[in-house]
Amino acid sequence: MAKKAKNKYSADQFGKSEESVERKSFYFGKKNFKLMLIGLGLILLGFVLMMGADANTTPDGKFDPSYWNEDIFSFRRIRLAPLMVIAGFVIQIFAILKRNKD
């Protein structure tokens, strides 16, 4: 069987010269990807900052229902970590919506 010859022109380019046909580039550029990685890093850092001992874990690491660990209400877990996660999501949205000017 004979192979079909591939046409290098598509129907939307019919009647146009090769100079007038523009090359379509990918929507995201290097800056978009860098911003996305920064946003992802902030999100991961925020979740890591939220981790820690349970409310009922004693300082030596054992579970005790009668012990209450006040460290779960620390500045790092209640204020800083959620702020980092929200900032990461805001940067992600900005990176997706930012127009590539290449």
PDB file of N, CA and C in Angstrom:
ATOM      1  N   MET A   1       0.825  -1.182   0.000  1.00  0.00           N
ATOM      2  CA  MET A   1       0.000   0.000   0.000  1.00  0.00           C
ATOM      3  C   MET A   1       0.872   1.249   0.000  1.00  0.00           C
ATOM      4  N   ALA A   2       0.421   2.218  -0.698  1.00  0.00           N
ATOM      5  CA  ALA A   2       1.160   3.470  -0.777  1.00  0.00           C
ATOM      6  C   ALA A   2       0.818   4.342   0.424  1.00  0.00           C
ATOM      7  N   LYS A   3       1.834   4.988   0.953  1.00  0.00           N
ATOM      8  CA  LYS A   3       1.610   5.899   2.084  1.00  0.00           C
ATOM      9  C   LYS A   3       1.046   7.211   1.570  1.00  0.00           C
ATOM     10  N   LYS A   4       0.148   7.783   2.373  1.00  0.00           N
ATOM     11  CA  LYS A   4      -0.407   9.083   2.013  1.00  0.00           C
ATOM     12  C   LYS A   4       0.632  10.165   2.265  1.00  0.00           C
ATOM     13  N   ALA A   5       0.741  11.074   1.368  1.00  0.00           N
ATOM     14  CA  ALA A   5       1.666  12.194   1.541  1.00  0.00           C
ATOM     15  C   ALA A   5       1.059  13.182   2.518  1.00  0.00           C
ATOM     16  N   LYS A   6       1.850  13.625   3.459  1.00  0.00           N
ATOM     17  CA  LYS A   6       1.355  14.589   4.440  1.00  0.00           C
ATOM     18  C   LYS A   6       1.431  15.987   3.858  1.00  0.00           C
ATOM     19  N   ASN A   7       0.342  16.697   3.982  1.00  0.00           N
ATOM     20  CA  ASN A   7       0.282  18.062   3.500  1.00  0.00           C
ATOM     21  C   ASN A   7       0.813  18.982   4.596  1.00  0.00           C
ATOM     22  N   LYS A   8       1.769  19.834   4.260  1.00  0.00           N
ATOM     23  CA  LYS A   8       2.336  20.701   5.286  1.00  0.00           C
ATOM     24  C   LYS A   8       1.460  21.912   5.584  1.00  0.00           C
ATOM     25  N   TYR A   9       0.379  22.081   4.847  1.00  0.00           N
ATOM     26  CA  TYR A   9      -0.533  23.197   5.078  1.00  0.00           C
ATOM     27  C   TYR A   9      -1.848  22.669   5.629  1.00  0.00           C
ATOM     28  N   SER A  10      -2.439  23.426   6.512  1.00  0.00           N
ATOM     29  CA  SER A  10      -3.754  23.047   7.005  1.00  0.00           C
ATOM     30  C   SER A  10      -4.809  23.922   6.337  1.00  0.00           C
ATOM     31  N   ALA A  11      -6.075  23.596   6.545  1.00  0.00           N
ATOM     32  CA  ALA A  11      -7.160  24.307   5.865  1.00  0.00           C
ATOM     33  C   ALA A  11      -7.234  25.781   6.271  1.00  0.00           C
ATOM     34  N   ASP A  12      -6.891  26.082   7.526  1.00  0.00           N
ATOM     35  CA  ASP A  12      -6.982  27.481   7.953  1.00  0.00           C
ATOM     36  C   ASP A  12      -5.859  28.336   7.368  1.00  0.00           C
ATOM     37  N   GLN A  13      -4.844  27.703   6.782  1.00  0.00           N
ATOM     38  CA  GLN A  13      -3.745  28.457   6.185  1.00  0.00           C
ATOM     39  C   GLN A  13      -3.877  28.559   4.662  1.00  0.00           C
ATOM     40  N   PHE A  14      -4.956  28.030   4.113  1.00  0.00           N
ATOM     41  CA  PHE A  14      -5.138  27.998   2.667  1.00  0.00           C
ATOM     42  C   PHE A  14      -5.194  29.413   2.108  1.00  0.00           C
ATOM     43  N   GLY A  15      -4.394  29.686   1.090  1.00  0.00           N
ATOM     44  CA  GLY A  15      -4.385  30.984   0.441  1.00  0.00           C
ATOM     45  C   GLY A  15      -3.458  31.998   1.084  1.00  0.00           C
ATOM     46  N   LYS A  16      -2.787  31.629   2.151  1.00  0.00           N
ATOM     47  CA  LYS A  16      -1.863  32.551   2.817  1.00  0.00           C
ATOM     48  C   LYS A  16      -0.432  32.156   2.483  1.00  0.00           C
ATOM     49  N   SER A  17       0.420  33.160   2.388  1.00  0.00           N
ATOM     50  CA  SER A  17       1.823  32.845   2.159  1.00  0.00           C
ATOM     51  C   SER A  17       2.471  32.384   3.462  1.00  0.00           C
ATOM     52  N   GLU A  18       3.625  31.763   3.357  1.00  0.00           N
ATOM     53  CA  GLU A  18       4.294  31.241   4.554  1.00  0.00           C
ATOM     54  C   GLU A  18       4.711  32.354   5.504  1.00  0.00           C
ATOM     55  N   GLU A  19       4.977  33.554   4.990  1.00  0.00           N
ATOM     56  CA  GLU A  19       5.384  34.658   5.845  1.00  0.00           C
ATOM     57  C   GLU A  19       4.221  35.178   6.685  1.00  0.00           C
ATOM     58  N   SER A  20       2.989  35.111   6.136  1.00  0.00           N
ATOM     59  CA  SER A  20       1.851  35.662   6.858  1.00  0.00           C
ATOM     60  C   SER A  20       1.273  34.688   7.891  1.00  0.00           C
ATOM     61  N   VAL A  21       1.666  33.434   7.834  1.00  0.00           N
ATOM     62  CA  VAL A  21       1.174  32.452   8.800  1.00  0.00           C
ATOM     63  C   VAL A  21       1.958  32.624  10.093  1.00  0.00           C
ATOM     64  N   GLU A  22       1.266  32.967  11.174  1.00  0.00           N
ATOM     65  CA  GLU A  22       1.982  33.154  12.439  1.00  0.00           C
ATOM     66  C   GLU A  22       2.124  31.831  13.177  1.00  0.00           C
ATOM     67  N   ARG A  23       3.187  31.720  13.887  1.00  0.00           N
ATOM     68  CA  ARG A  23       3.418  30.529  14.697  1.00  0.00           C
ATOM     69  C   ARG A  23       2.704  30.723  16.021  1.00  0.00           C
ATOM     70  N   LYS A  24       1.994  29.714  16.433  1.00  0.00           N
ATOM     71  CA  LYS A  24       1.290  29.782  17.701  1.00  0.00           C
ATOM     72  C   LYS A  24       2.237  29.310  18.795  1.00  0.00           C
ATOM     73  N   SER A  25       2.356  30.132  19.821  1.00  0.00           N
ATOM     74  CA  SER A  25       3.249  29.770  20.917  1.00  0.00           C
ATOM     75  C   SER A  25       2.423  29.332  22.111  1.00  0.00           C
ATOM     76  N   PHE A  26       3.085  28.688  23.040  1.00  0.00           N
ATOM     77  CA  PHE A  26       2.430  28.214  24.252  1.00  0.00           C
ATOM     78  C   PHE A  26       2.054  29.413  25.112  1.00  0.00           C
ATOM     79  N   TYR A  27       0.924  29.317  25.823  1.00  0.00           N
ATOM     80  CA  TYR A  27       0.412  30.462  26.585  1.00  0.00           C
ATOM     81  C   TYR A  27       1.339  30.848  27.733  1.00  0.00           C
ATOM     82  N   PHE A  28       1.894  29.867  28.425  1.00  0.00           N
ATOM     83  CA  PHE A  28       2.747  30.149  29.582  1.00  0.00           C
ATOM     84  C   PHE A  28       4.201  30.284  29.156  1.00  0.00           C
ATOM     85  N   GLY A  29       4.865  31.303  29.718  1.00  0.00           N
ATOM     86  CA  GLY A  29       6.282  31.494  29.468  1.00  0.00           C
ATOM     87  C   GLY A  29       7.092  31.081  30.681  1.00  0.00           C
ATOM     88  N   LYS A  30       8.381  31.376  30.644  1.00  0.00           N
ATOM     89  CA  LYS A  30       9.266  31.014  31.760  1.00  0.00           C
ATOM     90  C   LYS A  30       8.860  31.709  33.056  1.00  0.00           C
ATOM     91  N   LYS A  31       8.476  32.965  32.947  1.00  0.00           N
ATOM     92  CA  LYS A  31       8.098  33.723  34.143  1.00  0.00           C
ATOM     93  C   LYS A  31       6.847  33.130  34.795  1.00  0.00           C
ATOM     94  N   ASN A  32       5.894  32.673  33.971  1.00  0.00           N
ATOM     95  CA  ASN A  32       4.695  32.041  34.509  1.00  0.00           C
ATOM     96  C   ASN A  32       5.055  30.784  35.304  1.00  0.00           C
ATOM     97  N   PHE A  33       5.933  29.972  34.744  1.00  0.00           N
ATOM     98  CA  PHE A  33       6.314  28.740  35.427  1.00  0.00           C
ATOM     99  C   PHE A  33       7.094  29.016  36.709  1.00  0.00           C
ATOM    100  N   LYS A  34       7.943  30.040  36.685  1.00  0.00           N
ATOM    101  CA  LYS A  34       8.664  30.402  37.910  1.00  0.00           C
ATOM    102  C   LYS A  34       7.699  30.847  38.999  1.00  0.00           C
ATOM    103  N   LEU A  35       6.714  31.673  38.622  1.00  0.00           N
ATOM    104  CA  LEU A  35       5.717  32.108  39.603  1.00  0.00           C
ATOM    105  C   LEU A  35       4.889  30.937  40.126  1.00  0.00           C
ATOM    106  N   MET A  36       4.571  29.993  39.257  1.00  0.00           N
ATOM    107  CA  MET A  36       3.825  28.813  39.694  1.00  0.00           C
ATOM    108  C   MET A  36       4.626  27.986  40.688  1.00  0.00           C
ATOM    109  N   LEU A  37       5.910  27.835  40.438  1.00  0.00           N
ATOM    110  CA  LEU A  37       6.760  27.080  41.367  1.00  0.00           C
ATOM    111  C   LEU A  37       6.891  27.802  42.705  1.00  0.00           C
ATOM    112  N   ILE A  38       7.009  29.131  42.666  1.00  0.00           N
ATOM    113  CA  ILE A  38       7.072  29.906  43.910  1.00  0.00           C
ATOM    114  C   ILE A  38       5.769  29.742  44.691  1.00  0.00           C
ATOM    115  N   GLY A  39       4.640  29.829  44.002  1.00  0.00           N
ATOM    116  CA  GLY A  39       3.344  29.642  44.659  1.00  0.00           C
ATOM    117  C   GLY A  39       3.199  28.255  45.252  1.00  0.00           C
ATOM    118  N   LEU A  40       3.619  27.241  44.513  1.00  0.00           N
ATOM    119  CA  LEU A  40       3.552  25.869  45.024  1.00  0.00           C
ATOM    120  C   LEU A  40       4.455  25.700  46.241  1.00  0.00           C
ATOM    121  N   GLY A  41       5.633  26.321  46.201  1.00  0.00           N
ATOM    122  CA  GLY A  41       6.541  26.265  47.344  1.00  0.00           C
ATOM    123  C   GLY A  41       5.945  26.922  48.582  1.00  0.00           C
ATOM    124  N   LEU A  42       5.277  28.057  48.405  1.00  0.00           N
ATOM    125  CA  LEU A  42       4.630  28.718  49.549  1.00  0.00           C
ATOM    126  C   LEU A  42       3.490  27.878  50.123  1.00  0.00           C
ATOM    127  N   ILE A  43       2.729  27.230  49.250  1.00  0.00           N
ATOM    128  CA  ILE A  43       1.647  26.373  49.725  1.00  0.00           C
ATOM    129  C   ILE A  43       2.207  25.207  50.532  1.00  0.00           C
ATOM    130  N   LEU A  44       3.227  24.557  50.001  1.00  0.00           N
ATOM    131  CA  LEU A  44       3.840  23.426  50.717  1.00  0.00           C
ATOM    132  C   LEU A  44       4.462  23.879  52.032  1.00  0.00           C
ATOM    133  N   LEU A  45       5.134  25.026  52.030  1.00  0.00           N
ATOM    134  CA  LEU A  45       5.736  25.550  53.251  1.00  0.00           C
ATOM    135  C   LEU A  45       4.665  25.842  54.299  1.00  0.00           C
ATOM    136  N   GLY A  46       3.534  26.392  53.875  1.00  0.00           N
ATOM    137  CA  GLY A  46       2.440  26.662  54.798  1.00  0.00           C
ATOM    138  C   GLY A  46       1.912  25.395  55.445  1.00  0.00           C
ATOM    139  N   PHE A  47       1.745  24.339  54.657  1.00  0.00           N
ATOM    140  CA  PHE A  47       1.262  23.084  55.227  1.00  0.00           C
ATOM    141  C   PHE A  47       2.292  22.441  56.151  1.00  0.00           C
ATOM    142  N   VAL A  48       3.566  22.580  55.821  1.00  0.00           N
ATOM    143  CA  VAL A  48       4.609  22.051  56.705  1.00  0.00           C
ATOM    144  C   VAL A  48       4.623  22.819  58.028  1.00  0.00           C
ATOM    145  N   LEU A  49       4.421  24.140  57.963  1.00  0.00           N
ATOM    146  CA  LEU A  49       4.390  24.937  59.189  1.00  0.00           C
ATOM    147  C   LEU A  49       3.190  24.598  60.073  1.00  0.00           C
ATOM    148  N   MET A  50       2.106  24.102  59.475  1.00  0.00           N
ATOM    149  CA  MET A  50       0.937  23.712  60.260  1.00  0.00           C
ATOM    150  C   MET A  50       1.141  22.394  61.006  1.00  0.00           C
ATOM    151  N   MET A  51       2.106  21.596  60.561  1.00  0.00           N
ATOM    152  CA  MET A  51       2.306  20.291  61.191  1.00  0.00           C
ATOM    153  C   MET A  51       2.912  20.439  62.585  1.00  0.00           C
ATOM    154  N   GLY A  52       2.721  19.426  63.382  1.00  0.00           N
ATOM    155  CA  GLY A  52       3.304  19.423  64.715  1.00  0.00           C
ATOM    156  C   GLY A  52       2.596  18.434  65.604  1.00  0.00           C
ATOM    157  N   ALA A  53       2.893  18.516  66.884  1.00  0.00           N
ATOM    158  CA  ALA A  53       2.320  17.582  67.841  1.00  0.00           C
ATOM    159  C   ALA A  53       0.826  17.827  68.004  1.00  0.00           C
ATOM    160  N   ASP A  54       0.109  16.750  68.370  1.00  0.00           N
ATOM    161  CA  ASP A  54      -1.326  16.821  68.630  1.00  0.00           C
ATOM    162  C   ASP A  54      -1.630  17.622  69.886  1.00  0.00           C
ATOM    163  N   ALA A  55      -2.899  17.867  70.112  1.00  0.00           N
ATOM    164  CA  ALA A  55      -3.317  18.588  71.318  1.00  0.00           C
ATOM    165  C   ALA A  55      -3.132  17.736  72.566  1.00  0.00           C
ATOM    166  N   ASN A  56      -3.193  16.418  72.411  1.00  0.00           N
ATOM    167  CA  ASN A  56      -3.083  15.519  73.557  1.00  0.00           C
ATOM    168  C   ASN A  56      -1.756  14.782  73.607  1.00  0.00           C
ATOM    169  N   THR A  57      -0.742  15.276  72.937  1.00  0.00           N
ATOM    170  CA  THR A  57       0.570  14.648  72.959  1.00  0.00           C
ATOM    171  C   THR A  57       1.452  15.362  73.977  1.00  0.00           C
ATOM    172  N   THR A  58       2.020  14.595  74.874  1.00  0.00           N
ATOM    173  CA  THR A  58       2.888  15.160  75.902  1.00  0.00           C
ATOM    174  C   THR A  58       4.224  15.554  75.293  1.00  0.00           C
ATOM    175  N   PRO A  59       5.030  16.362  75.999  1.00  0.00           N
ATOM    176  CA  PRO A  59       6.334  16.769  75.439  1.00  0.00           C
ATOM    177  C   PRO A  59       7.262  15.598  75.130  1.00  0.00           C
ATOM    178  N   ASP A  60       7.100  14.459  75.808  1.00  0.00           N
ATOM    179  CA  ASP A  60       7.955  13.308  75.493  1.00  0.00           C
ATOM    180  C   ASP A  60       7.391  12.462  74.352  1.00  0.00           C
ATOM    181  N   GLY A  61       6.260  12.874  73.745  1.00  0.00           N
ATOM    182  CA  GLY A  61       5.736  12.219  72.560  1.00  0.00           C
ATOM    183  C   GLY A  61       4.684  11.166  72.810  1.00  0.00           C
ATOM    184  N   LYS A  62       4.212  11.013  74.020  1.00  0.00           N
ATOM    185  CA  LYS A  62       3.202  10.001  74.326  1.00  0.00           C
ATOM    186  C   LYS A  62       1.809  10.632  74.331  1.00  0.00           C
ATOM    187  N   PHE A  63       0.815   9.822  73.971  1.00  0.00           N
ATOM    188  CA  PHE A  63      -0.569  10.288  73.974  1.00  0.00           C
ATOM    189  C   PHE A  63      -1.132  10.183  75.381  1.00  0.00           C
ATOM    190  N   ASP A  64      -1.685  11.291  75.879  1.00  0.00           N
ATOM    191  CA  ASP A  64      -2.298  11.322  77.204  1.00  0.00           C
ATOM    192  C   ASP A  64      -3.568  12.159  77.114  1.00  0.00           C
ATOM    193  N   PRO A  65      -4.757  11.527  77.270  1.00  0.00           N
ATOM    194  CA  PRO A  65      -6.001  12.284  77.136  1.00  0.00           C
ATOM    195  C   PRO A  65      -6.184  13.361  78.202  1.00  0.00           C
ATOM    196  N   SER A  66      -5.477  13.258  79.311  1.00  0.00           N
ATOM    197  CA  SER A  66      -5.630  14.267  80.362  1.00  0.00           C
ATOM    198  C   SER A  66      -4.676  15.454  80.175  1.00  0.00           C
ATOM    199  N   TYR A  67      -3.779  15.382  79.210  1.00  0.00           N
ATOM    200  CA  TYR A  67      -2.805  16.459  78.958  1.00  0.00           C
ATOM    201  C   TYR A  67      -3.310  17.349  77.821  1.00  0.00           C
ATOM    202  N   TRP A  68      -3.178  18.656  77.973  1.00  0.00           N
ATOM    203  CA  TRP A  68      -3.565  19.598  76.926  1.00  0.00           C
ATOM    204  C   TRP A  68      -2.350  20.398  76.484  1.00  0.00           C
ATOM    205  N   ASN A  69      -2.008  20.312  75.222  1.00  0.00           N
ATOM    206  CA  ASN A  69      -0.851  20.995  74.663  1.00  0.00           C
ATOM    207  C   ASN A  69      -1.300  22.344  74.092  1.00  0.00           C
ATOM    208  N   GLU A  70      -0.888  23.429  74.720  1.00  0.00           N
ATOM    209  CA  GLU A  70      -1.268  24.770  74.264  1.00  0.00           C
ATOM    210  C   GLU A  70      -0.528  25.185  72.988  1.00  0.00           C
ATOM    211  N   ASP A  71       0.468  24.406  72.567  1.00  0.00           N
ATOM    212  CA  ASP A  71       1.265  24.756  71.395  1.00  0.00           C
ATOM    213  C   ASP A  71       0.449  24.692  70.097  1.00  0.00           C
ATOM    214  N   ILE A  72      -0.714  24.038  70.135  1.00  0.00           N
ATOM    215  CA  ILE A  72      -1.516  23.993  68.906  1.00  0.00           C
ATOM    216  C   ILE A  72      -2.078  25.362  68.561  1.00  0.00           C
ATOM    217  N   PHE A  73      -2.083  26.286  69.501  1.00  0.00           N
ATOM    218  CA  PHE A  73      -2.578  27.639  69.245  1.00  0.00           C
ATOM    219  C   PHE A  73      -1.430  28.636  69.070  1.00  0.00           C
ATOM    220  N   SER A  74      -0.286  28.172  68.624  1.00  0.00           N
ATOM    221  CA  SER A  74       0.863  29.054  68.458  1.00  0.00           C
ATOM    222  C   SER A  74       0.670  29.981  67.251  1.00  0.00           C
ATOM    223  N   PHE A  75       1.437  31.057  67.219  1.00  0.00           N
ATOM    224  CA  PHE A  75       1.394  32.026  66.123  1.00  0.00           C
ATOM    225  C   PHE A  75       1.705  31.343  64.791  1.00  0.00           C
ATOM    226  N   ARG A  76       2.645  30.421  64.825  1.00  0.00           N
ATOM    227  CA  ARG A  76       3.067  29.735  63.602  1.00  0.00           C
ATOM    228  C   ARG A  76       1.927  28.937  62.986  1.00  0.00           C
ATOM    229  N   ARG A  77       1.145  28.239  63.793  1.00  0.00           N
ATOM    230  CA  ARG A  77       0.084  27.380  63.276  1.00  0.00           C
ATOM    231  C   ARG A  77      -1.209  28.132  62.966  1.00  0.00           C
ATOM    232  N   ILE A  78      -1.501  29.148  63.726  1.00  0.00           N
ATOM    233  CA  ILE A  78      -2.782  29.828  63.566  1.00  0.00           C
ATOM    234  C   ILE A  78      -2.706  31.004  62.602  1.00  0.00           C
ATOM    235  N   ARG A  79      -1.613  31.715  62.573  1.00  0.00           N
ATOM    236  CA  ARG A  79      -1.511  32.927  61.754  1.00  0.00           C
ATOM    237  C   ARG A  79      -0.574  32.768  60.552  1.00  0.00           C
ATOM    238  N   LEU A  80       0.645  32.351  60.793  1.00  0.00           N
ATOM    239  CA  LEU A  80       1.671  32.347  59.752  1.00  0.00           C
ATOM    240  C   LEU A  80       1.399  31.304  58.666  1.00  0.00           C
ATOM    241  N   ALA A  81       1.133  30.075  59.061  1.00  0.00           N
ATOM    242  CA  ALA A  81       0.957  28.997  58.080  1.00  0.00           C
ATOM    243  C   ALA A  81      -0.243  29.231  57.159  1.00  0.00           C
ATOM    244  N   PRO A  82      -1.433  29.572  57.678  1.00  0.00           N
ATOM    245  CA  PRO A  82      -2.536  29.842  56.750  1.00  0.00           C
ATOM    246  C   PRO A  82      -2.272  31.040  55.835  1.00  0.00           C
ATOM    247  N   LEU A  83      -1.568  32.043  56.331  1.00  0.00           N
ATOM    248  CA  LEU A  83      -1.212  33.193  55.506  1.00  0.00           C
ATOM    249  C   LEU A  83      -0.295  32.772  54.354  1.00  0.00           C
ATOM    250  N   MET A  84       0.636  31.873  54.626  1.00  0.00           N
ATOM    251  CA  MET A  84       1.534  31.375  53.586  1.00  0.00           C
ATOM    252  C   MET A  84       0.755  30.585  52.528  1.00  0.00           C
ATOM    253  N   VAL A  85      -0.199  29.778  52.963  1.00  0.00           N
ATOM    254  CA  VAL A  85      -1.002  28.991  52.017  1.00  0.00           C
ATOM    255  C   VAL A  85      -1.833  29.919  51.143  1.00  0.00           C
ATOM    256  N   ILE A  86      -2.475  30.897  51.731  1.00  0.00           N
ATOM    257  CA  ILE A  86      -3.301  31.836  50.955  1.00  0.00           C
ATOM    258  C   ILE A  86      -2.423  32.639  49.986  1.00  0.00           C
ATOM    259  N   ALA A  87      -1.257  33.079  50.442  1.00  0.00           N
ATOM    260  CA  ALA A  87      -0.341  33.809  49.550  1.00  0.00           C
ATOM    261  C   ALA A  87       0.090  32.924  48.382  1.00  0.00           C
ATOM    262  N   GLY A  88       0.327  31.651  48.649  1.00  0.00           N
ATOM    263  CA  GLY A  88       0.692  30.721  47.576  1.00  0.00           C
ATOM    264  C   GLY A  88      -0.405  30.581  46.543  1.00  0.00           C
ATOM    265  N   PHE A  89      -1.658  30.489  47.003  1.00  0.00           N
ATOM    266  CA  PHE A  89      -2.772  30.391  46.055  1.00  0.00           C
ATOM    267  C   PHE A  89      -2.962  31.682  45.264  1.00  0.00           C
ATOM    268  N   VAL A  90      -2.752  32.820  45.888  1.00  0.00           N
ATOM    269  CA  VAL A  90      -2.859  34.100  45.173  1.00  0.00           C
ATOM    270  C   VAL A  90      -1.781  34.185  44.095  1.00  0.00           C
ATOM    271  N   ILE A  91      -0.566  33.765  44.420  1.00  0.00           N
ATOM    272  CA  ILE A  91       0.516  33.779  43.425  1.00  0.00           C
ATOM    273  C   ILE A  91       0.213  32.803  42.290  1.00  0.00           C
ATOM    274  N   GLN A  92      -0.378  31.659  42.607  1.00  0.00           N
ATOM    275  CA  GLN A  92      -0.754  30.699  41.563  1.00  0.00           C
ATOM    276  C   GLN A  92      -1.775  31.313  40.603  1.00  0.00           C
ATOM    277  N   ILE A  93      -2.772  31.970  41.138  1.00  0.00           N
ATOM    278  CA  ILE A  93      -3.789  32.599  40.289  1.00  0.00           C
ATOM    279  C   ILE A  93      -3.163  33.685  39.424  1.00  0.00           C
ATOM    280  N   PHE A  94      -2.290  34.497  40.023  1.00  0.00           N
ATOM    281  CA  PHE A  94      -1.610  35.538  39.255  1.00  0.00           C
ATOM    282  C   PHE A  94      -0.751  34.931  38.146  1.00  0.00           C
ATOM    283  N   ALA A  95      -0.049  33.835  38.445  1.00  0.00           N
ATOM    284  CA  ALA A  95       0.814  33.199  37.451  1.00  0.00           C
ATOM    285  C   ALA A  95       0.006  32.631  36.288  1.00  0.00           C
ATOM    286  N   ILE A  96      -1.184  32.128  36.578  1.00  0.00           N
ATOM    287  CA  ILE A  96      -2.016  31.571  35.512  1.00  0.00           C
ATOM    288  C   ILE A  96      -2.600  32.690  34.650  1.00  0.00           C
ATOM    289  N   LEU A  97      -3.016  33.790  35.268  1.00  0.00           N
ATOM    290  CA  LEU A  97      -3.666  34.868  34.517  1.00  0.00           C
ATOM    291  C   LEU A  97      -2.694  35.819  33.843  1.00  0.00           C
ATOM    292  N   LYS A  98      -1.418  35.802  34.230  1.00  0.00           N
ATOM    293  CA  LYS A  98      -0.432  36.714  33.653  1.00  0.00           C
ATOM    294  C   LYS A  98      -0.201  36.368  32.188  1.00  0.00           C
ATOM    295  N   ARG A  99      -0.298  37.391  31.349  1.00  0.00           N
ATOM    296  CA  ARG A  99      -0.116  37.181  29.910  1.00  0.00           C
ATOM    297  C   ARG A  99       1.368  37.054  29.565  1.00  0.00           C
ATOM    298  N   ASN A 100       1.657  36.116  28.682  1.00  0.00           N
ATOM    299  CA  ASN A 100       3.016  35.913  28.207  1.00  0.00           C
ATOM    300  C   ASN A 100       3.282  36.918  27.095  1.00  0.00           C
ATOM    301  N   LYS A 101       4.338  37.730  27.226  1.00  0.00           N
ATOM    302  CA  LYS A 101       4.608  38.782  26.251  1.00  0.00           C
ATOM    303  C   LYS A 101       5.765  38.433  25.312  1.00  0.00           C
ATOM    304  N   ASP A 102       5.980  37.148  25.069  1.00  0.00           N
ATOM    305  CA  ASP A 102       7.070  36.747  24.167  1.00  0.00           C
ATOM    306  C   ASP A 102       6.706  36.910  22.721  1.00  0.00           C
TER     307      ASP A 102
END
